[in-house]
């Protein structure tokens, strides 16, 4: 195979790629915060003693976990304005699709972490007069979150990679900028190789930091 790699045109368009990196990071931070926070709320709802709350939480998880993120983004962008009359920007459509999908998966992670806490700790807290909310906040959640940090880290990595799906509604992120450069210079192999390298350079240090945090928490235990 006599393909000649030429990265010159990619490096000449670094400003466009940097704009894409900025858009990707912005989307990642917003979706991470919303996805994790809402996931905790839904995860607690899955364990609620109120049947309506438990049913709604379960329905939320099953719906967003069992439908493709790409379809969700497209639906929010094209169908929601028709149903509500409100214009949805590409950024908002991507936030809704990625955040709600991530919240569904995060909810199951938090629920599993809470269920892993021994029932005796709940009983002991009740015996000394703590309410269910106090027990959850002071005893159960701190332990549960420590146990699910590896799973939450994986979820965060997935959210970062899912940001590329926002290109389907023309949101200006890294992949969208890469497509533009590739269409102008006819060099998709070089462009997507550089994009993959950028993702690796951003994600790998974050993952290493979470490994260090896990080891530190293990020593403190």
C-alpha atoms as a PDB file:
ATOM      1  CA  UNK A   1       0.000   0.000   0.000  1.00  0.00           C
ATOM      2  CA  UNK A   2       1.568   3.273  -1.160  1.00  0.00           C
ATOM      3  CA  UNK A   3      -0.418   5.769   0.880  1.00  0.00           C
ATOM      4  CA  UNK A   4       1.666   8.820   1.818  1.00  0.00           C
ATOM      5  CA  UNK A   5       0.761  10.359   5.148  1.00  0.00           C
ATOM      6  CA  UNK A   6       0.731  14.145   5.160  1.00  0.00           C
ATOM      7  CA  UNK A   7      -0.117  15.945   8.390  1.00  0.00           C
ATOM      8  CA  UNK A   8       0.959  19.396   7.178  1.00  0.00           C
ATOM      9  CA  UNK A   9      -2.558  20.553   6.322  1.00  0.00           C
ATOM     10  CA  UNK A  10      -3.818  19.349   9.710  1.00  0.00           C
ATOM     11  CA  UNK A  11      -1.195  21.329  11.602  1.00  0.00           C
ATOM     12  CA  UNK A  12      -1.937  24.372   9.445  1.00  0.00           C
ATOM     13  CA  UNK A  13      -5.508  24.262  10.784  1.00  0.00           C
ATOM     14  CA  UNK A  14      -4.651  24.081  14.490  1.00  0.00           C
ATOM     15  CA  UNK A  15      -6.801  27.160  15.300  1.00  0.00           C
ATOM     16  CA  UNK A  16      -9.883  25.343  13.995  1.00  0.00           C
ATOM     17  CA  UNK A  17      -9.018  22.241  16.017  1.00  0.00           C
ATOM     18  CA  UNK A  18      -8.499  24.342  19.164  1.00  0.00           C
ATOM     19  CA  UNK A  19     -11.967  25.826  18.716  1.00  0.00           C
ATOM     20  CA  UNK A  20     -13.245  22.261  18.504  1.00  0.00           C
ATOM     21  CA  UNK A  21     -11.378  21.277  21.673  1.00  0.00           C
ATOM     22  CA  UNK A  22     -12.936  24.227  23.491  1.00  0.00           C
ATOM     23  CA  UNK A  23     -16.418  23.205  22.355  1.00  0.00           C
ATOM     24  CA  UNK A  24     -15.796  19.593  23.371  1.00  0.00           C
ATOM     25  CA  UNK A  25     -14.560  20.550  26.839  1.00  0.00           C
ATOM     26  CA  UNK A  26     -17.500  22.902  27.389  1.00  0.00           C
ATOM     27  CA  UNK A  27     -19.973  20.198  26.444  1.00  0.00           C
ATOM     28  CA  UNK A  28     -18.140  17.602  28.548  1.00  0.00           C
ATOM     29  CA  UNK A  29     -18.134  19.708  31.730  1.00  0.00           C
ATOM     30  CA  UNK A  30     -21.833  20.598  31.481  1.00  0.00           C
ATOM     31  CA  UNK A  31     -22.925  17.039  30.676  1.00  0.00           C
ATOM     32  CA  UNK A  32     -20.707  15.584  33.406  1.00  0.00           C
ATOM     33  CA  UNK A  33     -22.157  17.852  36.094  1.00  0.00           C
ATOM     34  CA  UNK A  34     -25.773  17.383  34.994  1.00  0.00           C
ATOM     35  CA  UNK A  35     -25.419  13.657  34.319  1.00  0.00           C
ATOM     36  CA  UNK A  36     -23.790  12.828  37.655  1.00  0.00           C
ATOM     37  CA  UNK A  37     -26.036  15.098  39.742  1.00  0.00           C
ATOM     38  CA  UNK A  38     -29.248  13.927  38.119  1.00  0.00           C
ATOM     39  CA  UNK A  39     -27.992  10.348  38.237  1.00  0.00           C
ATOM     40  CA  UNK A  40     -27.631  10.571  42.021  1.00  0.00           C
ATOM     41  CA  UNK A  41     -31.167  11.931  42.366  1.00  0.00           C
ATOM     42  CA  UNK A  42     -32.622   9.231  40.105  1.00  0.00           C
ATOM     43  CA  UNK A  43     -30.566   6.537  41.843  1.00  0.00           C
ATOM     44  CA  UNK A  44     -32.010   7.589  45.187  1.00  0.00           C
ATOM     45  CA  UNK A  45     -35.462   7.658  43.596  1.00  0.00           C
ATOM     46  CA  UNK A  46     -34.996   4.030  42.545  1.00  0.00           C
ATOM     47  CA  UNK A  47     -34.685   3.164  46.249  1.00  0.00           C
ATOM     48  CA  UNK A  48     -37.531   5.381  47.381  1.00  0.00           C
ATOM     49  CA  UNK A  49     -40.348   3.919  49.447  1.00  0.00           C
ATOM     50  CA  UNK A  50     -42.798   6.020  47.425  1.00  0.00           C
ATOM     51  CA  UNK A  51     -44.130   3.879  44.591  1.00  0.00           C
ATOM     52  CA  UNK A  52     -44.751   6.802  42.168  1.00  0.00           C
ATOM     53  CA  UNK A  53     -41.214   8.123  42.688  1.00  0.00           C
ATOM     54  CA  UNK A  54     -39.729   4.657  42.309  1.00  0.00           C
ATOM     55  CA  UNK A  55     -41.795   3.967  39.176  1.00  0.00           C
ATOM     56  CA  UNK A  56     -40.872   7.287  37.526  1.00  0.00           C
ATOM     57  CA  UNK A  57     -37.183   6.788  38.342  1.00  0.00           C
ATOM     58  CA  UNK A  58     -37.251   3.273  36.918  1.00  0.00           C
ATOM     59  CA  UNK A  59     -39.053   4.440  33.780  1.00  0.00           C
ATOM     60  CA  UNK A  60     -36.463   7.193  33.289  1.00  0.00           C
ATOM     61  CA  UNK A  61     -33.561   4.757  33.597  1.00  0.00           C
ATOM     62  CA  UNK A  62     -35.051   2.155  31.301  1.00  0.00           C
ATOM     63  CA  UNK A  63     -36.036   4.651  28.619  1.00  0.00           C
ATOM     64  CA  UNK A  64     -32.754   6.553  28.361  1.00  0.00           C
ATOM     65  CA  UNK A  65     -30.562   3.508  28.929  1.00  0.00           C
ATOM     66  CA  UNK A  66     -32.250   1.479  26.190  1.00  0.00           C
ATOM     67  CA  UNK A  67     -32.421   4.078  23.422  1.00  0.00           C
ATOM     68  CA  UNK A  68     -29.397   5.306  21.421  1.00  0.00           C
ATOM     69  CA  UNK A  69     -27.819   8.616  22.426  1.00  0.00           C
ATOM     70  CA  UNK A  70     -27.605   9.650  18.780  1.00  0.00           C
ATOM     71  CA  UNK A  71     -31.357   9.188  18.352  1.00  0.00           C
ATOM     72  CA  UNK A  72     -32.003  11.152  21.541  1.00  0.00           C
ATOM     73  CA  UNK A  73     -29.893  14.094  20.346  1.00  0.00           C
ATOM     74  CA  UNK A  74     -31.644  14.127  16.969  1.00  0.00           C
ATOM     75  CA  UNK A  75     -35.056  13.889  18.627  1.00  0.00           C
ATOM     76  CA  UNK A  76     -34.379  16.807  20.952  1.00  0.00           C
ATOM     77  CA  UNK A  77     -33.041  18.898  18.078  1.00  0.00           C
ATOM     78  CA  UNK A  78     -35.748  18.194  15.491  1.00  0.00           C
ATOM     79  CA  UNK A  79     -38.842  16.901  17.308  1.00  0.00           C
ATOM     80  CA  UNK A  80     -38.868  18.934  20.530  1.00  0.00           C
ATOM     81  CA  UNK A  81     -39.255  22.298  18.720  1.00  0.00           C
ATOM     82  CA  UNK A  82     -42.213  20.875  16.786  1.00  0.00           C
ATOM     83  CA  UNK A  83     -43.906  19.686  19.981  1.00  0.00           C
ATOM     84  CA  UNK A  84     -43.144  22.728  22.166  1.00  0.00           C
ATOM     85  CA  UNK A  85     -42.588  25.558  19.704  1.00  0.00           C
ATOM     86  CA  UNK A  86     -39.247  26.319  21.360  1.00  0.00           C
ATOM     87  CA  UNK A  87     -36.086  26.543  19.299  1.00  0.00           C
ATOM     88  CA  UNK A  88     -33.361  24.169  20.494  1.00  0.00           C
ATOM     89  CA  UNK A  89     -29.729  25.017  19.749  1.00  0.00           C
ATOM     90  CA  UNK A  90     -27.275  22.261  18.778  1.00  0.00           C
ATOM     91  CA  UNK A  91     -25.524  22.791  22.127  1.00  0.00           C
ATOM     92  CA  UNK A  92     -28.745  22.360  24.097  1.00  0.00           C
ATOM     93  CA  UNK A  93     -29.816  19.294  22.093  1.00  0.00           C
ATOM     94  CA  UNK A  94     -26.438  17.671  22.762  1.00  0.00           C
ATOM     95  CA  UNK A  95     -26.645  18.522  26.466  1.00  0.00           C
ATOM     96  CA  UNK A  96     -30.118  17.001  26.778  1.00  0.00           C
ATOM     97  CA  UNK A  97     -29.241  13.823  24.906  1.00  0.00           C
ATOM     98  CA  UNK A  98     -25.872  13.107  26.513  1.00  0.00           C
ATOM     99  CA  UNK A  99     -26.758  14.291  30.035  1.00  0.00           C
ATOM    100  CA  UNK A 100     -30.014  12.353  30.328  1.00  0.00           C
ATOM    101  CA  UNK A 101     -28.462   9.196  28.913  1.00  0.00           C
ATOM    102  CA  UNK A 102     -25.520   9.508  31.294  1.00  0.00           C
ATOM    103  CA  UNK A 103     -27.850  10.188  34.206  1.00  0.00           C
ATOM    104  CA  UNK A 104     -29.613   6.880  33.541  1.00  0.00           C
ATOM    105  CA  UNK A 105     -26.350   4.927  33.688  1.00  0.00           C
ATOM    106  CA  UNK A 106     -25.027   6.943  36.648  1.00  0.00           C
ATOM    107  CA  UNK A 107     -28.253   6.266  38.537  1.00  0.00           C
ATOM    108  CA  UNK A 108     -27.605   2.537  38.360  1.00  0.00           C
ATOM    109  CA  UNK A 109     -24.010   3.056  39.494  1.00  0.00           C
ATOM    110  CA  UNK A 110     -25.114   5.062  42.534  1.00  0.00           C
ATOM    111  CA  UNK A 111     -27.915   2.593  43.296  1.00  0.00           C
ATOM    112  CA  UNK A 112     -25.456  -0.295  43.223  1.00  0.00           C
ATOM    113  CA  UNK A 113     -23.071   1.574  45.502  1.00  0.00           C
ATOM    114  CA  UNK A 114     -25.809   2.311  48.037  1.00  0.00           C
ATOM    115  CA  UNK A 115     -27.030  -1.295  47.965  1.00  0.00           C
ATOM    116  CA  UNK A 116     -23.495  -2.515  48.681  1.00  0.00           C
ATOM    117  CA  UNK A 117     -23.567  -0.909  52.128  1.00  0.00           C
ATOM    118  CA  UNK A 118     -24.340  -3.474  54.801  1.00  0.00           C
ATOM    119  CA  UNK A 119     -27.944  -3.318  56.133  1.00  0.00           C
ATOM    120  CA  UNK A 120     -26.546  -3.368  59.654  1.00  0.00           C
ATOM    121  CA  UNK A 121     -25.262   0.181  59.216  1.00  0.00           C
ATOM    122  CA  UNK A 122     -28.768   1.423  58.441  1.00  0.00           C
ATOM    123  CA  UNK A 123     -30.109  -0.430  61.492  1.00  0.00           C
ATOM    124  CA  UNK A 124     -27.381   0.914  63.762  1.00  0.00           C
ATOM    125  CA  UNK A 125     -28.035   4.486  62.637  1.00  0.00           C
ATOM    126  CA  UNK A 126     -31.758   4.050  63.239  1.00  0.00           C
ATOM    127  CA  UNK A 127     -31.050   2.641  66.697  1.00  0.00           C
ATOM    128  CA  UNK A 128     -29.186   5.811  67.743  1.00  0.00           C
ATOM    129  CA  UNK A 129     -31.998   8.040  66.510  1.00  0.00           C
ATOM    130  CA  UNK A 130     -30.840   9.077  63.037  1.00  0.00           C
ATOM    131  CA  UNK A 131     -33.453   9.687  60.365  1.00  0.00           C
ATOM    132  CA  UNK A 132     -33.216   7.918  57.009  1.00  0.00           C
ATOM    133  CA  UNK A 133     -31.973  11.124  55.361  1.00  0.00           C
ATOM    134  CA  UNK A 134     -29.309  11.679  58.021  1.00  0.00           C
ATOM    135  CA  UNK A 135     -28.129   8.092  57.690  1.00  0.00           C
ATOM    136  CA  UNK A 136     -27.921   8.445  53.941  1.00  0.00           C
ATOM    137  CA  UNK A 137     -26.028  11.733  54.058  1.00  0.00           C
ATOM    138  CA  UNK A 138     -23.626  11.031  56.932  1.00  0.00           C
ATOM    139  CA  UNK A 139     -22.949   7.299  56.689  1.00  0.00           C
ATOM    140  CA  UNK A 140     -24.119   5.625  53.506  1.00  0.00           C
ATOM    141  CA  UNK A 141     -23.353   8.066  50.695  1.00  0.00           C
ATOM    142  CA  UNK A 142     -19.721   8.801  51.685  1.00  0.00           C
ATOM    143  CA  UNK A 143     -18.949   5.074  51.650  1.00  0.00           C
ATOM    144  CA  UNK A 144     -20.986   4.356  48.531  1.00  0.00           C
ATOM    145  CA  UNK A 145     -19.337   7.114  46.494  1.00  0.00           C
ATOM    146  CA  UNK A 146     -15.889   5.814  47.414  1.00  0.00           C
ATOM    147  CA  UNK A 147     -16.844   2.376  46.172  1.00  0.00           C
ATOM    148  CA  UNK A 148     -18.218   3.584  42.833  1.00  0.00           C
ATOM    149  CA  UNK A 149     -15.412   5.999  41.903  1.00  0.00           C
ATOM    150  CA  UNK A 150     -13.947   3.557  39.301  1.00  0.00           C
ATOM    151  CA  UNK A 151     -17.349   3.138  37.655  1.00  0.00           C
ATOM    152  CA  UNK A 152     -17.993   6.895  37.735  1.00  0.00           C
ATOM    153  CA  UNK A 153     -14.575   7.461  36.155  1.00  0.00           C
ATOM    154  CA  UNK A 154     -15.518   5.163  33.287  1.00  0.00           C
ATOM    155  CA  UNK A 155     -18.795   7.031  32.960  1.00  0.00           C
ATOM    156  CA  UNK A 156     -16.930  10.340  32.749  1.00  0.00           C
ATOM    157  CA  UNK A 157     -14.669   8.972  30.012  1.00  0.00           C
ATOM    158  CA  UNK A 158     -17.722   7.782  28.084  1.00  0.00           C
ATOM    159  CA  UNK A 159     -19.329  11.223  28.395  1.00  0.00           C
ATOM    160  CA  UNK A 160     -16.198  12.823  26.959  1.00  0.00           C
ATOM    161  CA  UNK A 161     -16.171  10.445  24.003  1.00  0.00           C
ATOM    162  CA  UNK A 162     -19.925  10.810  23.461  1.00  0.00           C
ATOM    163  CA  UNK A 163     -19.377  14.527  22.883  1.00  0.00           C
ATOM    164  CA  UNK A 164     -18.425  13.608  19.301  1.00  0.00           C
ATOM    165  CA  UNK A 165     -22.066  12.677  18.669  1.00  0.00           C
ATOM    166  CA  UNK A 166     -22.948  16.371  18.892  1.00  0.00           C
ATOM    167  CA  UNK A 167     -21.460  16.766  15.422  1.00  0.00           C
ATOM    168  CA  UNK A 168     -24.639  15.211  14.005  1.00  0.00           C
ATOM    169  CA  UNK A 169     -26.486  18.482  14.759  1.00  0.00           C
ATOM    170  CA  UNK A 170     -23.520  20.619  13.640  1.00  0.00           C
ATOM    171  CA  UNK A 171     -22.407  21.633  17.125  1.00  0.00           C
ATOM    172  CA  UNK A 172     -18.876  23.014  16.889  1.00  0.00           C
ATOM    173  CA  UNK A 173     -16.777  20.420  18.685  1.00  0.00           C
ATOM    174  CA  UNK A 174     -13.575  18.557  17.838  1.00  0.00           C
ATOM    175  CA  UNK A 175     -15.012  15.967  15.459  1.00  0.00           C
ATOM    176  CA  UNK A 176     -17.131  18.550  13.652  1.00  0.00           C
ATOM    177  CA  UNK A 177     -14.050  20.710  13.071  1.00  0.00           C
ATOM    178  CA  UNK A 178     -12.130  17.642  11.952  1.00  0.00           C
ATOM    179  CA  UNK A 179     -14.808  16.819   9.373  1.00  0.00           C
ATOM    180  CA  UNK A 180     -14.545  20.359   8.032  1.00  0.00           C
ATOM    181  CA  UNK A 181     -10.750  20.168   7.712  1.00  0.00           C
ATOM    182  CA  UNK A 182     -10.939  16.726   6.094  1.00  0.00           C
ATOM    183  CA  UNK A 183     -13.510  17.902   3.534  1.00  0.00           C
ATOM    184  CA  UNK A 184     -11.356  20.888   2.589  1.00  0.00           C
ATOM    185  CA  UNK A 185      -8.052  19.009   2.319  1.00  0.00           C
ATOM    186  CA  UNK A 186      -9.204  15.475   1.433  1.00  0.00           C
ATOM    187  CA  UNK A 187      -7.136  13.937   4.246  1.00  0.00           C
ATOM    188  CA  UNK A 188      -9.561  12.126   6.596  1.00  0.00           C
ATOM    189  CA  UNK A 189      -6.975   9.585   7.785  1.00  0.00           C
ATOM    190  CA  UNK A 190      -4.588  12.248   9.027  1.00  0.00           C
ATOM    191  CA  UNK A 191      -7.344  14.370  10.561  1.00  0.00           C
ATOM    192  CA  UNK A 192      -8.993  11.535  12.487  1.00  0.00           C
ATOM    193  CA  UNK A 193      -5.602  10.244  13.632  1.00  0.00           C
ATOM    194  CA  UNK A 194      -4.833  13.654  15.138  1.00  0.00           C
ATOM    195  CA  UNK A 195      -8.299  13.841  16.729  1.00  0.00           C
ATOM    196  CA  UNK A 196      -7.770  10.424  18.306  1.00  0.00           C
ATOM    197  CA  UNK A 197      -4.394  11.576  19.652  1.00  0.00           C
ATOM    198  CA  UNK A 198      -5.960  14.729  21.125  1.00  0.00           C
ATOM    199  CA  UNK A 199      -8.614  12.673  22.915  1.00  0.00           C
ATOM    200  CA  UNK A 200      -5.902  10.406  24.315  1.00  0.00           C
ATOM    201  CA  UNK A 201      -3.794  13.358  25.500  1.00  0.00           C
ATOM    202  CA  UNK A 202      -6.773  14.861  27.322  1.00  0.00           C
ATOM    203  CA  UNK A 203      -8.261  11.708  28.804  1.00  0.00           C
ATOM    204  CA  UNK A 204      -5.159   9.786  29.863  1.00  0.00           C
ATOM    205  CA  UNK A 205      -3.986  12.302  32.534  1.00  0.00           C
ATOM    206  CA  UNK A 206      -7.533  12.488  33.914  1.00  0.00           C
ATOM    207  CA  UNK A 207      -7.698   8.704  34.221  1.00  0.00           C
ATOM    208  CA  UNK A 208      -4.277   8.599  35.907  1.00  0.00           C
ATOM    209  CA  UNK A 209      -5.443  11.204  38.433  1.00  0.00           C
ATOM    210  CA  UNK A 210      -8.492   9.122  39.279  1.00  0.00           C
ATOM    211  CA  UNK A 211      -6.246   6.073  39.792  1.00  0.00           C
ATOM    212  CA  UNK A 212      -4.169   8.126  42.228  1.00  0.00           C
ATOM    213  CA  UNK A 213      -7.345   9.215  44.021  1.00  0.00           C
ATOM    214  CA  UNK A 214      -8.484   5.593  44.322  1.00  0.00           C
ATOM    215  CA  UNK A 215      -5.137   4.585  45.858  1.00  0.00           C
ATOM    216  CA  UNK A 216      -5.255   7.499  48.282  1.00  0.00           C
ATOM    217  CA  UNK A 217      -8.786   6.618  49.390  1.00  0.00           C
ATOM    218  CA  UNK A 218      -7.766   2.970  49.793  1.00  0.00           C
ATOM    219  CA  UNK A 219      -4.863   3.981  52.082  1.00  0.00           C
ATOM    220  CA  UNK A 220      -7.111   6.237  54.143  1.00  0.00           C
ATOM    221  CA  UNK A 221      -9.528   3.344  54.627  1.00  0.00           C
END
